[in-house]
Amino acid sequence: MNLNRLRILFPCAVAACATILLNPSQAIAQSEAIVPKEKIDLLTPEMVESFVFHLNKAKSIKEKKEDIWILKDGGLHIDGRGYGYVRTPDSYKNYHLVMDFKWGENTWPPREDRTMDCGLLVHGHGDDGAVSDTWVASVEAQLIEGGSGDILVLQGKKADGDLIKTRATAETRKDRDGEFVWKAGGEAVVFPEEGKVNQRINWKDRDPDWEDVLGFRGDKDVENPVGEWNRLEVICDGDKIDIKLNGVLVNAVYGADPAEGWICLQSESAECWVSKLELWPIGGFEGGSEPDVKE
């Protein structure tokens, strides 16, 4: 019996088989990204249950999604004892993401004495774990003590070694140590540069003396101290991405390719609490720059 005959008799079965044969990067290319028409809450029990997850087991203390990303007290508790991410099953584009977060008290190996570290990935695509068997190809809005608001352009590699490409352009200057820092009106640079797989653009006032030590704070940090709530906004408008932290525009890129994809929350050996994770239509966010949760 030929395939056309099968399509007539069993259309759903053939479609299912075709989906199984697609790798993740092919599947996302064929599924239309969701554009929010109203607020989408990514922290409902149904949404969190649907999250896909990937862990680097060699660096993780726990291995179950529900033991690391835990719905608790009306928000999401990121336990930190996993090294990886959860992601939405669907792709999104053209949205204003709002995330209220604060650091917890605990850090774990292999980063028990390092800066509190987490991150939000947008435009995720390709194979899960394709970046160092830990992350996914994407643009990262970094959350790390002293460096929250940094942007990392992450590319992955397929099993056959082919590159899973991600691109973005930023206006930049170079700091004292030759690192790229976002500066509106500065030199336009396409990231990653030739010969690099992944690359970071520092937020506009990142301390050049930043050290990867627990409790680091820079003189011009916009992020509130550990234990206090912060509001991160990631505005993905076409191929542009603006990042605001507590109401301050701290970083931006344009020419993002792809300009859509999964939304991912990391766990990177630090405890973190997320009380809000919402997608709004561009221009439709009804809140301000202050996080809703106060203590």
Protein backbone atom coordinates (compact mmCIF):
# COMPACT_ATOMS: atom_id res chain seq x y z
CA MET A 1 0.00 0.00 0.00
CA ASN A 2 1.51 3.38 -0.96
CA LEU A 3 1.71 6.45 1.28
CA ASN A 4 -1.07 8.30 -0.51
CA ARG A 5 -3.42 5.36 0.11
CA LEU A 6 -2.43 5.39 3.79
CA ARG A 7 -3.15 9.12 4.01
CA ILE A 8 -6.67 8.50 2.80
CA LEU A 9 -7.34 5.62 5.20
CA PHE A 10 -5.39 6.78 8.27
CA PRO A 11 -4.62 10.52 7.99
CA CYS A 12 -3.97 11.05 11.73
CA ALA A 13 -1.62 8.08 12.00
CA VAL A 14 0.44 9.24 9.03
CA ALA A 15 0.68 12.75 10.46
CA ALA A 16 1.84 11.36 13.80
CA CYS A 17 4.52 9.23 12.15
CA ALA A 18 5.73 12.23 10.16
CA THR A 19 6.06 14.26 13.36
CA ILE A 20 8.10 11.52 15.04
CA LEU A 21 10.52 11.51 12.12
CA LEU A 22 11.14 15.25 12.39
CA ASN A 23 13.99 16.40 14.61
CA PRO A 24 13.20 19.32 16.98
CA SER A 25 14.68 21.97 14.70
CA GLN A 26 12.57 20.75 11.78
CA ALA A 27 9.46 20.56 13.94
CA ILE A 28 9.77 24.14 15.18
CA ALA A 29 10.33 25.41 11.66
CA GLN A 30 7.01 23.88 10.63
CA SER A 31 4.94 25.04 13.61
CA GLU A 32 3.69 28.61 13.55
CA ALA A 33 4.88 30.70 16.48
CA ILE A 34 2.22 32.05 18.83
CA VAL A 35 1.75 35.83 18.96
CA PRO A 36 0.01 36.78 22.23
CA LYS A 37 -3.31 38.55 21.71
CA GLU A 38 -3.85 38.86 25.46
CA LYS A 39 -1.88 38.03 28.59
CA ILE A 40 -0.49 34.48 28.69
CA ASP A 41 0.45 33.20 32.15
CA LEU A 42 3.34 30.75 31.85
CA LEU A 43 3.09 29.70 35.51
CA THR A 44 -0.31 28.00 35.55
CA PRO A 45 -0.19 24.38 36.76
CA GLU A 46 -1.17 23.21 33.27
CA MET A 47 1.60 25.20 31.61
CA VAL A 48 4.30 24.12 34.06
CA GLU A 49 3.19 20.51 33.68
CA SER A 50 3.66 20.84 29.91
CA PHE A 51 7.21 22.19 30.14
CA VAL A 52 9.87 20.10 28.39
CA PHE A 53 13.12 19.84 30.33
CA HIS A 54 16.76 18.95 29.77
CA LEU A 55 19.51 18.39 32.34
CA ASN A 56 23.23 17.90 32.22
CA LYS A 57 23.12 14.92 34.56
CA ALA A 58 26.85 15.02 35.28
CA LYS A 59 26.37 18.45 36.93
CA SER A 60 22.94 17.88 38.47
CA ILE A 61 22.14 16.72 42.00
CA LYS A 62 18.47 16.08 41.22
CA GLU A 63 17.10 14.60 38.00
CA LYS A 64 13.31 15.09 38.06
CA LYS A 65 11.70 18.24 36.67
CA GLU A 66 9.19 18.40 39.52
CA ASP A 67 12.02 18.34 42.12
CA ILE A 68 13.83 21.33 40.55
CA TRP A 69 11.09 23.60 39.12
CA ILE A 70 8.40 23.52 41.79
CA LEU A 71 5.07 25.37 41.83
CA LYS A 72 4.85 26.68 45.38
CA ASP A 73 3.17 29.58 47.23
CA GLY A 74 1.70 30.98 44.02
CA GLY A 75 4.98 31.03 42.11
CA LEU A 76 7.77 28.88 40.78
CA HIS A 77 10.58 27.78 43.08
CA ILE A 78 13.77 26.97 41.18
CA ASP A 79 15.53 24.66 43.62
CA GLY A 80 18.89 25.00 41.85
CA ARG A 81 20.05 21.41 42.27
CA GLY A 82 19.73 20.81 38.56
CA TYR A 83 21.92 22.07 35.72
CA GLY A 84 19.70 22.69 32.72
CA TYR A 85 16.38 24.23 31.75
CA VAL A 86 12.66 23.85 31.27
CA ARG A 87 11.05 25.24 28.13
CA THR A 88 7.64 25.91 26.70
CA PRO A 89 6.43 23.26 24.26
CA ASP A 90 5.30 26.04 21.91
CA SER A 91 7.21 28.71 20.05
CA TYR A 92 6.42 32.41 20.60
CA LYS A 93 7.18 35.71 18.87
CA ASN A 94 6.31 39.40 19.19
CA TYR A 95 5.69 39.65 22.92
CA HIS A 96 6.48 41.61 26.07
CA LEU A 97 7.68 39.16 28.70
CA VAL A 98 7.46 40.15 32.36
CA MET A 99 9.27 38.13 35.03
CA ASP A 100 9.41 38.93 38.76
CA PHE A 101 12.24 37.08 40.51
CA LYS A 102 14.46 37.05 43.56
CA TRP A 103 17.40 34.96 44.68
CA GLY A 104 16.98 32.39 47.44
CA GLU A 105 19.48 31.44 50.11
CA ASN A 106 21.12 28.32 48.69
CA THR A 107 23.82 27.55 46.15
CA TRP A 108 24.97 24.08 45.16
CA PRO A 109 27.91 22.29 43.50
CA PRO A 110 29.51 22.92 41.08
CA ARG A 111 28.83 26.63 41.84
CA GLU A 112 28.39 26.62 45.61
CA ASP A 113 30.92 29.47 46.12
CA ARG A 114 30.17 31.32 42.86
CA THR A 115 27.74 34.10 42.00
CA MET A 116 24.04 33.28 42.12
CA ASP A 117 23.29 32.26 38.53
CA CYS A 118 20.18 31.53 36.50
CA GLY A 119 18.78 32.85 33.21
CA LEU A 120 15.89 33.26 30.83
CA LEU A 121 16.29 32.03 27.26
CA VAL A 122 14.19 33.32 24.36
CA HIS A 123 14.01 32.24 20.71
CA GLY A 124 15.08 28.71 21.71
CA HIS A 125 15.42 26.38 18.74
CA GLY A 126 17.08 23.23 17.50
CA ASP A 127 17.96 20.17 19.56
CA ASP A 128 17.55 20.13 23.33
CA GLY A 129 20.90 20.18 25.12
CA ALA A 130 22.78 21.14 21.95
CA VAL A 131 24.81 23.79 23.82
CA SER A 132 27.42 21.91 25.90
CA ASP A 133 24.83 19.18 26.66
CA THR A 134 23.20 21.74 28.97
CA TRP A 135 21.40 24.58 27.15
CA VAL A 136 19.59 25.13 23.87
CA ALA A 137 20.49 27.45 21.00
CA SER A 138 18.85 30.77 21.92
CA VAL A 139 19.35 34.35 23.08
CA GLU A 140 19.83 34.47 26.83
CA ALA A 141 18.77 37.26 29.16
CA GLN A 142 21.31 36.50 31.85
CA LEU A 143 20.43 36.50 35.54
CA ILE A 144 23.60 36.48 37.61
CA GLU A 145 24.85 38.60 40.50
CA GLY A 146 26.44 41.71 39.00
CA GLY A 147 25.62 40.63 35.45
CA SER A 148 21.84 40.45 35.28
CA GLY A 149 20.88 41.96 31.94
CA ASP A 150 23.84 40.57 30.02
CA ILE A 151 22.88 39.01 26.68
CA LEU A 152 24.41 35.74 25.52
CA VAL A 153 24.00 34.59 21.93
CA LEU A 154 24.08 30.80 22.14
CA GLN A 155 24.62 28.42 19.25
CA GLY A 156 24.36 24.66 19.48
CA LYS A 157 25.73 21.69 17.62
CA LYS A 158 23.79 18.78 16.19
CA ALA A 159 24.88 15.19 16.75
CA ASP A 160 26.65 15.26 13.38
CA GLY A 161 28.58 18.40 14.38
CA ASP A 162 26.63 20.86 12.22
CA LEU A 163 26.06 24.25 13.82
CA ILE A 164 22.62 25.32 15.02
CA LYS A 165 22.97 28.99 14.20
CA THR A 166 21.78 31.94 16.27
CA ARG A 167 22.60 35.54 15.33
CA ALA A 168 22.00 39.00 16.78
CA THR A 169 23.50 42.47 16.30
CA ALA A 170 24.28 44.89 19.12
CA GLU A 171 25.53 48.48 19.31
CA THR A 172 28.61 48.29 21.49
CA ARG A 173 31.69 49.75 23.07
CA LYS A 174 34.63 47.87 24.56
CA ASP A 175 35.49 48.13 28.22
CA ARG A 176 38.90 48.30 29.85
CA ASP A 177 39.44 44.57 29.35
CA GLY A 178 38.25 44.51 25.73
CA GLU A 179 34.86 43.00 26.52
CA PHE A 180 31.80 44.08 24.54
CA VAL A 181 29.36 46.31 26.42
CA TRP A 182 26.01 47.49 25.10
CA LYS A 183 26.00 51.18 24.18
CA ALA A 184 23.16 52.77 22.22
CA GLY A 185 24.65 54.34 19.10
CA GLY A 186 27.92 52.43 19.45
CA GLU A 187 29.65 50.22 16.91
CA ALA A 188 27.32 47.61 15.42
CA VAL A 189 28.71 44.08 15.84
CA VAL A 190 27.13 40.82 14.72
CA PHE A 191 27.30 38.12 17.40
CA PRO A 192 28.78 35.60 17.65
CA GLU A 193 31.80 36.95 15.82
CA GLU A 194 33.57 34.86 13.21
CA GLY A 195 35.25 31.86 14.82
CA LYS A 196 33.15 31.95 18.01
CA VAL A 197 30.26 29.66 18.87
CA ASN A 198 28.77 31.63 21.79
CA GLN A 199 29.34 35.22 22.89
CA ARG A 200 28.21 37.69 25.54
CA ILE A 201 27.27 41.38 25.39
CA ASN A 202 27.63 42.92 28.87
CA TRP A 203 24.80 45.11 30.17
CA LYS A 204 25.52 48.80 29.92
CA ASP A 205 27.03 49.42 33.39
CA ARG A 206 28.48 46.03 34.29
CA ASP A 207 31.41 46.45 36.69
CA PRO A 208 34.67 45.81 34.80
CA ASP A 209 36.04 44.29 38.03
CA TRP A 210 33.25 41.70 38.14
CA GLU A 211 34.30 38.45 39.82
CA ASP A 212 32.52 35.12 39.86
CA VAL A 213 32.27 35.00 43.65
CA LEU A 214 29.17 34.60 45.78
CA GLY A 215 27.63 37.91 46.80
CA PHE A 216 29.32 40.10 44.18
CA ARG A 217 27.77 43.52 43.61
CA GLY A 218 28.92 46.28 41.31
CA ASP A 219 28.78 50.00 42.08
CA LYS A 220 26.16 50.64 39.38
CA ASP A 221 24.07 47.49 39.73
CA VAL A 222 20.39 47.93 38.86
CA GLU A 223 19.46 44.57 40.34
CA ASN A 224 18.22 44.68 43.93
CA PRO A 225 20.19 42.88 46.68
CA VAL A 226 19.77 39.15 47.25
CA GLY A 227 16.40 38.38 48.82
CA GLU A 228 14.64 41.39 47.27
CA TRP A 229 12.30 41.16 44.27
CA ASN A 230 13.25 42.35 40.79
CA ARG A 231 11.33 42.83 37.56
CA LEU A 232 12.90 41.62 34.31
CA GLU A 233 11.25 42.64 31.05
CA VAL A 234 12.25 41.08 27.72
CA ILE A 235 10.52 42.78 24.81
CA CYS A 236 10.76 40.75 21.61
CA ASP A 237 9.39 42.98 18.83
CA GLY A 238 10.09 41.44 15.44
CA ASP A 239 13.84 40.81 15.34
CA LYS A 240 14.56 43.31 18.14
CA ILE A 241 15.07 42.35 21.78
CA ASP A 242 15.12 44.99 24.54
CA ILE A 243 15.95 44.03 28.12
CA LYS A 244 14.80 46.11 31.06
CA LEU A 245 15.71 45.45 34.68
CA ASN A 246 13.66 47.25 37.32
CA GLY A 247 12.52 49.72 34.67
CA VAL A 248 15.99 50.51 33.28
CA LEU A 249 16.87 49.61 29.68
CA VAL A 250 20.13 47.72 30.24
CA ASN A 251 20.75 45.88 26.96
CA ALA A 252 19.38 45.43 23.45
CA VAL A 253 20.01 43.58 20.20
CA TYR A 254 18.40 43.59 16.76
CA GLY A 255 18.57 41.37 13.71
CA ALA A 256 17.84 38.34 15.91
CA ASP A 257 17.80 35.17 13.81
CA PRO A 258 15.64 33.26 14.50
CA ALA A 259 13.16 35.88 15.74
CA GLU A 260 10.91 33.34 17.46
CA GLY A 261 11.21 30.19 19.52
CA TRP A 262 10.78 28.51 22.86
CA ILE A 263 11.00 30.35 26.17
CA CYS A 264 13.23 28.61 28.71
CA LEU A 265 14.03 28.99 32.41
CA GLN A 266 17.40 27.76 33.60
CA SER A 267 18.53 26.11 36.79
CA GLU A 268 22.22 26.68 37.39
CA SER A 269 23.10 25.68 40.96
CA ALA A 270 21.40 28.64 42.64
CA GLU A 271 18.03 28.90 44.34
CA CYS A 272 15.66 31.37 42.69
CA TRP A 273 12.00 32.32 43.11
CA VAL A 274 9.76 33.47 40.25
CA SER A 275 6.39 34.97 41.19
CA LYS A 276 5.39 36.14 37.70
CA LEU A 277 6.17 34.93 34.20
CA GLU A 278 3.78 36.45 31.68
CA LEU A 279 3.63 37.21 27.97
CA TRP A 280 1.78 40.33 26.85
CA PRO A 281 1.07 41.72 23.40
CA ILE A 282 3.59 44.35 22.29
CA GLY A 283 2.38 47.65 23.74
CA GLY A 284 -0.23 45.93 25.86
CA PHE A 285 1.52 45.42 29.21
CA GLU A 286 -0.60 47.01 31.90
CA GLY A 287 1.93 47.09 34.73
CA GLY A 288 4.92 49.23 35.60
CA SER A 289 8.57 48.60 36.41
CA GLU A 290 8.03 47.59 40.05
CA PRO A 291 7.63 43.88 40.90
CA ASP A 292 4.22 43.04 42.32
CA VAL A 293 5.57 41.01 45.24
CA LYS A 294 6.97 43.01 48.14
CA GLU A 295 8.36 41.82 51.48
